[in-house]
């Protein structure tokens, strides 16, 4: 039997003798690898662009192969949300917190990190209408919320005080981080229309808008978070008295 000729005229070695075939083989998919790949895809292209077919193509497999790891797109996105919140849970439970205020501050910055690193996913986390019982977005992980509330109660807060802190912090995170993450998410078609509309505004309004976007978001976040923590601390003290 003759062997196939290469473009240079030399003969190609039999496939069995080519070691590169095994070393370059793609590792098998797992639930974790599919979830991480989904997060990377959402970060790069936006949540609206994620489909099982497109994700499969990016992984070098057929779209139907993804259904082995998630029943559908919605379940896949929820698995991605659970993945990023699980990382926050591990971070929060990995140390002891002297006061509930320190816990709440660190938790707020951890959630902000999600909003900045994964803005498109955060918008989904904040706006999803899935029934979650008493869980308030963006804190949509049962274990994380339980750890948060337990920390409050272990520090002497009553149930009603813990609820006030929980509601106050989640409301603050939603309002502040939705605006901040919207500036970082991949552009959508409707965003281009908004930019065109801003260009038609009066020079005075445009100057104000430029001033708003030019502020340091990190400093503003820390300033407003500090004000919130002081207000919640005073509210707890009043209930104690």
C-alpha atoms as a PDB file:
ATOM      1  CA  UNK A   1       0.000   0.000   0.000  1.00  0.00           C
ATOM      2  CA  UNK A   2       1.387   3.440  -0.899  1.00  0.00           C
ATOM      3  CA  UNK A   3       1.425   6.326   1.595  1.00  0.00           C
ATOM      4  CA  UNK A   4      -0.067   9.754   0.967  1.00  0.00           C
ATOM      5  CA  UNK A   5       2.324  12.410  -0.274  1.00  0.00           C
ATOM      6  CA  UNK A   6       2.719  15.738   1.498  1.00  0.00           C
ATOM      7  CA  UNK A   7       2.877  19.038  -0.428  1.00  0.00           C
ATOM      8  CA  UNK A   8       6.704  18.839  -0.287  1.00  0.00           C
ATOM      9  CA  UNK A   9       6.763  15.355  -1.750  1.00  0.00           C
ATOM     10  CA  UNK A  10       7.749  13.565   1.442  1.00  0.00           C
ATOM     11  CA  UNK A  11       5.594  10.777   2.804  1.00  0.00           C
ATOM     12  CA  UNK A  12       3.255  11.271   5.765  1.00  0.00           C
ATOM     13  CA  UNK A  13       3.775   8.810   8.646  1.00  0.00           C
ATOM     14  CA  UNK A  14       0.872   6.521   9.498  1.00  0.00           C
ATOM     15  CA  UNK A  15      -1.685   8.049  11.853  1.00  0.00           C
ATOM     16  CA  UNK A  16      -0.860   5.518  14.553  1.00  0.00           C
ATOM     17  CA  UNK A  17       2.727   6.782  14.615  1.00  0.00           C
ATOM     18  CA  UNK A  18       1.736  10.436  15.192  1.00  0.00           C
ATOM     19  CA  UNK A  19       2.060  11.249  18.938  1.00  0.00           C
ATOM     20  CA  UNK A  20       0.392  14.666  18.543  1.00  0.00           C
ATOM     21  CA  UNK A  21      -3.010  13.036  18.152  1.00  0.00           C
ATOM     22  CA  UNK A  22      -3.258  12.156  21.834  1.00  0.00           C
ATOM     23  CA  UNK A  23      -1.470  15.222  23.259  1.00  0.00           C
ATOM     24  CA  UNK A  24      -3.691  17.734  21.474  1.00  0.00           C
ATOM     25  CA  UNK A  25      -6.970  15.981  22.205  1.00  0.00           C
ATOM     26  CA  UNK A  26      -9.529  18.234  23.882  1.00  0.00           C
ATOM     27  CA  UNK A  27     -10.236  17.211  27.499  1.00  0.00           C
ATOM     28  CA  UNK A  28     -13.693  15.758  28.052  1.00  0.00           C
ATOM     29  CA  UNK A  29     -16.428  18.186  29.035  1.00  0.00           C
ATOM     30  CA  UNK A  30     -17.770  18.282  32.581  1.00  0.00           C
ATOM     31  CA  UNK A  31     -20.544  20.258  34.226  1.00  0.00           C
ATOM     32  CA  UNK A  32     -17.972  22.632  35.717  1.00  0.00           C
ATOM     33  CA  UNK A  33     -16.117  23.181  32.449  1.00  0.00           C
ATOM     34  CA  UNK A  34     -19.387  23.886  30.601  1.00  0.00           C
ATOM     35  CA  UNK A  35     -20.458  26.370  33.291  1.00  0.00           C
ATOM     36  CA  UNK A  36     -17.103  28.172  33.196  1.00  0.00           C
ATOM     37  CA  UNK A  37     -17.180  28.250  29.388  1.00  0.00           C
ATOM     38  CA  UNK A  38     -20.700  29.697  29.531  1.00  0.00           C
ATOM     39  CA  UNK A  39     -19.521  32.439  31.873  1.00  0.00           C
ATOM     40  CA  UNK A  40     -16.634  33.279  29.531  1.00  0.00           C
ATOM     41  CA  UNK A  41     -19.031  33.389  26.574  1.00  0.00           C
ATOM     42  CA  UNK A  42     -21.458  35.694  28.392  1.00  0.00           C
ATOM     43  CA  UNK A  43     -18.599  37.996  29.384  1.00  0.00           C
ATOM     44  CA  UNK A  44     -17.354  38.191  25.807  1.00  0.00           C
ATOM     45  CA  UNK A  45     -20.595  38.448  23.841  1.00  0.00           C
ATOM     46  CA  UNK A  46     -23.439  39.174  26.261  1.00  0.00           C
ATOM     47  CA  UNK A  47     -26.173  37.009  27.688  1.00  0.00           C
ATOM     48  CA  UNK A  48     -28.476  37.514  24.715  1.00  0.00           C
ATOM     49  CA  UNK A  49     -25.955  35.840  22.417  1.00  0.00           C
ATOM     50  CA  UNK A  50     -25.664  32.658  24.468  1.00  0.00           C
ATOM     51  CA  UNK A  51     -27.293  29.620  22.868  1.00  0.00           C
ATOM     52  CA  UNK A  52     -26.534  25.943  23.230  1.00  0.00           C
ATOM     53  CA  UNK A  53     -25.453  25.802  19.595  1.00  0.00           C
ATOM     54  CA  UNK A  54     -23.081  28.765  19.860  1.00  0.00           C
ATOM     55  CA  UNK A  55     -21.625  27.530  23.126  1.00  0.00           C
ATOM     56  CA  UNK A  56     -21.095  24.078  21.643  1.00  0.00           C
ATOM     57  CA  UNK A  57     -19.343  25.573  18.627  1.00  0.00           C
ATOM     58  CA  UNK A  58     -17.011  27.564  20.893  1.00  0.00           C
ATOM     59  CA  UNK A  59     -16.164  24.309  22.693  1.00  0.00           C
ATOM     60  CA  UNK A  60     -15.674  22.349  19.494  1.00  0.00           C
ATOM     61  CA  UNK A  61     -18.712  20.111  19.994  1.00  0.00           C
ATOM     62  CA  UNK A  62     -22.252  19.879  18.656  1.00  0.00           C
ATOM     63  CA  UNK A  63     -24.814  22.029  20.423  1.00  0.00           C
ATOM     64  CA  UNK A  64     -26.808  18.957  21.394  1.00  0.00           C
ATOM     65  CA  UNK A  65     -23.826  17.753  23.442  1.00  0.00           C
ATOM     66  CA  UNK A  66     -24.386  20.634  25.896  1.00  0.00           C
ATOM     67  CA  UNK A  67     -27.766  19.172  26.858  1.00  0.00           C
ATOM     68  CA  UNK A  68     -25.920  16.386  28.665  1.00  0.00           C
ATOM     69  CA  UNK A  69     -24.885  18.984  31.246  1.00  0.00           C
ATOM     70  CA  UNK A  70     -27.912  21.298  31.349  1.00  0.00           C
ATOM     71  CA  UNK A  71     -31.547  20.674  30.439  1.00  0.00           C
ATOM     72  CA  UNK A  72     -31.773  24.007  28.645  1.00  0.00           C
ATOM     73  CA  UNK A  73     -30.413  27.523  28.326  1.00  0.00           C
ATOM     74  CA  UNK A  74     -32.228  28.859  31.395  1.00  0.00           C
ATOM     75  CA  UNK A  75     -30.889  26.065  33.590  1.00  0.00           C
ATOM     76  CA  UNK A  76     -27.415  26.694  32.208  1.00  0.00           C
ATOM     77  CA  UNK A  77     -27.554  30.412  33.044  1.00  0.00           C
ATOM     78  CA  UNK A  78     -28.823  29.630  36.545  1.00  0.00           C
ATOM     79  CA  UNK A  79     -25.886  27.257  36.990  1.00  0.00           C
ATOM     80  CA  UNK A  80     -23.540  30.093  36.043  1.00  0.00           C
ATOM     81  CA  UNK A  81     -25.191  32.361  38.639  1.00  0.00           C
ATOM     82  CA  UNK A  82     -24.840  29.632  41.261  1.00  0.00           C
ATOM     83  CA  UNK A  83     -21.172  29.244  40.321  1.00  0.00           C
ATOM     84  CA  UNK A  84     -20.210  32.890  40.888  1.00  0.00           C
ATOM     85  CA  UNK A  85     -22.234  33.145  44.111  1.00  0.00           C
ATOM     86  CA  UNK A  86     -20.705  29.916  45.397  1.00  0.00           C
ATOM     87  CA  UNK A  87     -17.281  31.517  45.069  1.00  0.00           C
ATOM     88  CA  UNK A  88     -18.510  34.424  47.211  1.00  0.00           C
ATOM     89  CA  UNK A  89     -19.905  31.989  49.774  1.00  0.00           C
ATOM     90  CA  UNK A  90     -16.558  30.200  50.034  1.00  0.00           C
ATOM     91  CA  UNK A  91     -14.812  33.538  50.429  1.00  0.00           C
ATOM     92  CA  UNK A  92     -17.179  34.729  53.160  1.00  0.00           C
ATOM     93  CA  UNK A  93     -17.113  31.495  55.159  1.00  0.00           C
ATOM     94  CA  UNK A  94     -13.339  31.178  54.962  1.00  0.00           C
ATOM     95  CA  UNK A  95     -12.699  33.605  57.814  1.00  0.00           C
ATOM     96  CA  UNK A  96     -14.169  34.869  61.084  1.00  0.00           C
ATOM     97  CA  UNK A  97     -15.811  38.289  61.130  1.00  0.00           C
ATOM     98  CA  UNK A  98     -15.470  40.397  64.312  1.00  0.00           C
ATOM     99  CA  UNK A  99     -18.634  42.408  63.581  1.00  0.00           C
ATOM    100  CA  UNK A 100     -21.618  42.168  61.270  1.00  0.00           C
ATOM    101  CA  UNK A 101     -20.639  45.522  59.750  1.00  0.00           C
ATOM    102  CA  UNK A 102     -17.306  44.140  58.529  1.00  0.00           C
ATOM    103  CA  UNK A 103     -19.076  41.095  57.101  1.00  0.00           C
ATOM    104  CA  UNK A 104     -21.626  43.256  55.271  1.00  0.00           C
ATOM    105  CA  UNK A 105     -18.943  45.566  53.863  1.00  0.00           C
ATOM    106  CA  UNK A 106     -16.847  42.686  52.563  1.00  0.00           C
ATOM    107  CA  UNK A 107     -19.917  40.996  51.096  1.00  0.00           C
ATOM    108  CA  UNK A 108     -20.889  44.207  49.322  1.00  0.00           C
ATOM    109  CA  UNK A 109     -17.462  44.483  47.713  1.00  0.00           C
ATOM    110  CA  UNK A 110     -17.545  40.805  46.710  1.00  0.00           C
ATOM    111  CA  UNK A 111     -20.880  41.321  44.940  1.00  0.00           C
ATOM    112  CA  UNK A 112     -19.525  44.477  43.311  1.00  0.00           C
ATOM    113  CA  UNK A 113     -16.641  42.415  41.989  1.00  0.00           C
ATOM    114  CA  UNK A 114     -19.147  40.141  40.246  1.00  0.00           C
ATOM    115  CA  UNK A 115     -20.869  43.176  38.748  1.00  0.00           C
ATOM    116  CA  UNK A 116     -17.597  44.548  37.385  1.00  0.00           C
ATOM    117  CA  UNK A 117     -16.095  41.275  36.163  1.00  0.00           C
ATOM    118  CA  UNK A 118     -19.342  39.822  34.796  1.00  0.00           C
ATOM    119  CA  UNK A 119     -21.612  42.809  34.054  1.00  0.00           C
ATOM    120  CA  UNK A 120     -23.937  41.043  31.627  1.00  0.00           C
ATOM    121  CA  UNK A 121     -24.508  38.194  34.058  1.00  0.00           C
ATOM    122  CA  UNK A 122     -25.055  40.612  36.935  1.00  0.00           C
ATOM    123  CA  UNK A 123     -27.834  42.350  35.027  1.00  0.00           C
ATOM    124  CA  UNK A 124     -29.541  38.985  34.768  1.00  0.00           C
ATOM    125  CA  UNK A 125     -28.986  38.279  38.464  1.00  0.00           C
ATOM    126  CA  UNK A 126     -30.487  41.628  39.390  1.00  0.00           C
ATOM    127  CA  UNK A 127     -33.496  41.557  37.100  1.00  0.00           C
ATOM    128  CA  UNK A 128     -34.475  37.892  36.939  1.00  0.00           C
ATOM    129  CA  UNK A 129     -38.118  37.309  37.832  1.00  0.00           C
ATOM    130  CA  UNK A 130     -37.648  33.685  38.846  1.00  0.00           C
ATOM    131  CA  UNK A 131     -39.507  32.936  42.105  1.00  0.00           C
ATOM    132  CA  UNK A 132     -36.904  32.820  44.871  1.00  0.00           C
ATOM    133  CA  UNK A 133     -39.039  32.848  48.014  1.00  0.00           C
ATOM    134  CA  UNK A 134     -37.675  35.451  50.411  1.00  0.00           C
ATOM    135  CA  UNK A 135     -34.354  35.758  48.601  1.00  0.00           C
ATOM    136  CA  UNK A 136     -33.715  39.200  47.180  1.00  0.00           C
ATOM    137  CA  UNK A 137     -31.432  39.748  44.211  1.00  0.00           C
ATOM    138  CA  UNK A 138     -28.532  39.941  43.816  1.00  0.00           C
ATOM    139  CA  UNK A 139     -28.061  37.654  46.871  1.00  0.00           C
ATOM    140  CA  UNK A 140     -29.790  34.640  45.329  1.00  0.00           C
ATOM    141  CA  UNK A 141     -27.827  31.817  46.961  1.00  0.00           C
ATOM    142  CA  UNK A 142     -29.551  30.124  49.910  1.00  0.00           C
ATOM    143  CA  UNK A 143     -26.319  29.170  51.681  1.00  0.00           C
ATOM    144  CA  UNK A 144     -24.861  32.653  51.270  1.00  0.00           C
ATOM    145  CA  UNK A 145     -27.986  34.349  52.635  1.00  0.00           C
ATOM    146  CA  UNK A 146     -28.164  31.884  55.526  1.00  0.00           C
ATOM    147  CA  UNK A 147     -24.551  32.631  56.416  1.00  0.00           C
ATOM    148  CA  UNK A 148     -25.214  36.384  56.199  1.00  0.00           C
ATOM    149  CA  UNK A 149     -28.289  36.256  58.427  1.00  0.00           C
ATOM    150  CA  UNK A 150     -26.591  33.901  60.883  1.00  0.00           C
ATOM    151  CA  UNK A 151     -23.693  36.338  61.185  1.00  0.00           C
ATOM    152  CA  UNK A 152     -26.128  39.143  61.968  1.00  0.00           C
ATOM    153  CA  UNK A 153     -27.929  37.093  64.595  1.00  0.00           C
ATOM    154  CA  UNK A 154     -24.707  35.794  66.138  1.00  0.00           C
ATOM    155  CA  UNK A 155     -23.686  39.424  66.587  1.00  0.00           C
ATOM    156  CA  UNK A 156     -26.841  40.062  68.626  1.00  0.00           C
ATOM    157  CA  UNK A 157     -29.282  41.370  66.024  1.00  0.00           C
ATOM    158  CA  UNK A 158     -32.914  40.359  66.354  1.00  0.00           C
ATOM    159  CA  UNK A 159     -34.846  38.868  63.457  1.00  0.00           C
ATOM    160  CA  UNK A 160     -36.416  42.233  62.627  1.00  0.00           C
ATOM    161  CA  UNK A 161     -33.028  43.980  62.740  1.00  0.00           C
ATOM    162  CA  UNK A 162     -31.480  41.314  60.529  1.00  0.00           C
ATOM    163  CA  UNK A 163     -34.292  41.747  58.020  1.00  0.00           C
ATOM    164  CA  UNK A 164     -33.735  45.516  57.945  1.00  0.00           C
ATOM    165  CA  UNK A 165     -30.008  45.100  57.307  1.00  0.00           C
ATOM    166  CA  UNK A 166     -30.635  42.437  54.660  1.00  0.00           C
ATOM    167  CA  UNK A 167     -33.201  44.537  52.829  1.00  0.00           C
ATOM    168  CA  UNK A 168     -31.112  47.678  53.103  1.00  0.00           C
ATOM    169  CA  UNK A 169     -27.951  46.069  51.745  1.00  0.00           C
ATOM    170  CA  UNK A 170     -29.627  44.246  48.849  1.00  0.00           C
ATOM    171  CA  UNK A 171     -31.514  47.386  47.845  1.00  0.00           C
ATOM    172  CA  UNK A 172     -28.301  49.405  47.856  1.00  0.00           C
ATOM    173  CA  UNK A 173     -26.434  46.804  45.813  1.00  0.00           C
ATOM    174  CA  UNK A 174     -29.170  46.605  43.216  1.00  0.00           C
ATOM    175  CA  UNK A 175     -29.464  50.337  42.735  1.00  0.00           C
ATOM    176  CA  UNK A 176     -25.766  51.136  42.633  1.00  0.00           C
ATOM    177  CA  UNK A 177     -24.383  48.114  40.811  1.00  0.00           C
ATOM    178  CA  UNK A 178     -27.017  47.940  38.101  1.00  0.00           C
ATOM    179  CA  UNK A 179     -25.956  51.411  36.981  1.00  0.00           C
ATOM    180  CA  UNK A 180     -22.260  50.634  37.284  1.00  0.00           C
ATOM    181  CA  UNK A 181     -22.447  47.278  35.516  1.00  0.00           C
ATOM    182  CA  UNK A 182     -24.562  48.690  32.689  1.00  0.00           C
ATOM    183  CA  UNK A 183     -21.592  50.835  31.664  1.00  0.00           C
ATOM    184  CA  UNK A 184     -19.363  47.759  31.349  1.00  0.00           C
ATOM    185  CA  UNK A 185     -21.603  45.135  29.742  1.00  0.00           C
ATOM    186  CA  UNK A 186     -21.194  44.313  26.017  1.00  0.00           C
ATOM    187  CA  UNK A 187     -23.077  46.859  23.921  1.00  0.00           C
ATOM    188  CA  UNK A 188     -26.563  46.004  22.670  1.00  0.00           C
ATOM    189  CA  UNK A 189     -28.443  47.424  19.705  1.00  0.00           C
ATOM    190  CA  UNK A 190     -30.690  49.520  21.945  1.00  0.00           C
ATOM    191  CA  UNK A 191     -27.622  51.015  23.637  1.00  0.00           C
ATOM    192  CA  UNK A 192     -26.551  52.548  20.337  1.00  0.00           C
ATOM    193  CA  UNK A 193     -29.918  54.282  20.070  1.00  0.00           C
ATOM    194  CA  UNK A 194     -29.511  55.703  23.569  1.00  0.00           C
ATOM    195  CA  UNK A 195     -26.079  57.083  22.704  1.00  0.00           C
ATOM    196  CA  UNK A 196     -27.516  58.772  19.639  1.00  0.00           C
ATOM    197  CA  UNK A 197     -30.296  60.297  21.746  1.00  0.00           C
ATOM    198  CA  UNK A 198     -27.800  61.726  24.246  1.00  0.00           C
ATOM    199  CA  UNK A 199     -26.015  63.488  21.402  1.00  0.00           C
ATOM    200  CA  UNK A 200     -29.193  65.489  20.735  1.00  0.00           C
ATOM    201  CA  UNK A 201     -29.416  66.856  24.288  1.00  0.00           C
ATOM    202  CA  UNK A 202     -28.511  70.406  25.190  1.00  0.00           C
ATOM    203  CA  UNK A 203     -24.842  71.198  25.919  1.00  0.00           C
ATOM    204  CA  UNK A 204     -25.660  71.872  29.585  1.00  0.00           C
ATOM    205  CA  UNK A 205     -27.223  68.443  30.069  1.00  0.00           C
ATOM    206  CA  UNK A 206     -24.354  66.757  28.218  1.00  0.00           C
ATOM    207  CA  UNK A 207     -21.833  68.458  30.536  1.00  0.00           C
ATOM    208  CA  UNK A 208     -23.664  67.132  33.587  1.00  0.00           C
ATOM    209  CA  UNK A 209     -23.796  63.607  32.123  1.00  0.00           C
ATOM    210  CA  UNK A 210     -20.071  63.713  31.390  1.00  0.00           C
ATOM    211  CA  UNK A 211     -19.469  64.716  35.001  1.00  0.00           C
ATOM    212  CA  UNK A 212     -21.526  61.765  36.235  1.00  0.00           C
ATOM    213  CA  UNK A 213     -19.686  59.212  34.111  1.00  0.00           C
ATOM    214  CA  UNK A 214     -16.330  60.758  34.964  1.00  0.00           C
ATOM    215  CA  UNK A 215     -16.631  60.132  38.701  1.00  0.00           C
ATOM    216  CA  UNK A 216     -14.623  57.374  40.363  1.00  0.00           C
ATOM    217  CA  UNK A 217     -17.182  54.592  40.842  1.00  0.00           C
ATOM    218  CA  UNK A 218     -15.110  52.834  43.482  1.00  0.00           C
ATOM    219  CA  UNK A 219     -14.879  55.926  45.671  1.00  0.00           C
ATOM    220  CA  UNK A 220     -18.559  56.671  45.245  1.00  0.00           C
ATOM    221  CA  UNK A 221     -19.476  53.075  46.076  1.00  0.00           C
ATOM    222  CA  UNK A 222     -17.402  53.115  49.255  1.00  0.00           C
ATOM    223  CA  UNK A 223     -18.806  56.494  50.295  1.00  0.00           C
ATOM    224  CA  UNK A 224     -22.419  55.443  49.807  1.00  0.00           C
ATOM    225  CA  UNK A 225     -21.814  52.036  51.391  1.00  0.00           C
ATOM    226  CA  UNK A 226     -20.344  53.764  54.442  1.00  0.00           C
ATOM    227  CA  UNK A 227     -23.390  56.004  54.715  1.00  0.00           C
ATOM    228  CA  UNK A 228     -25.664  52.965  54.480  1.00  0.00           C
ATOM    229  CA  UNK A 229     -23.776  51.089  57.182  1.00  0.00           C
ATOM    230  CA  UNK A 230     -23.963  54.085  59.519  1.00  0.00           C
ATOM    231  CA  UNK A 231     -27.696  54.407  58.918  1.00  0.00           C
ATOM    232  CA  UNK A 232     -28.288  50.707  59.512  1.00  0.00           C
ATOM    233  CA  UNK A 233     -26.106  50.805  62.621  1.00  0.00           C
ATOM    234  CA  UNK A 234     -28.157  53.669  64.058  1.00  0.00           C
ATOM    235  CA  UNK A 235     -31.371  51.817  63.248  1.00  0.00           C
ATOM    236  CA  UNK A 236     -30.142  48.738  65.124  1.00  0.00           C
ATOM    237  CA  UNK A 237     -29.077  50.870  68.105  1.00  0.00           C
ATOM    238  CA  UNK A 238     -32.503  52.522  68.276  1.00  0.00           C
ATOM    239  CA  UNK A 239     -34.215  49.120  68.368  1.00  0.00           C
ATOM    240  CA  UNK A 240     -31.860  47.984  71.154  1.00  0.00           C
ATOM    241  CA  UNK A 241     -32.776  50.999  73.260  1.00  0.00           C
END
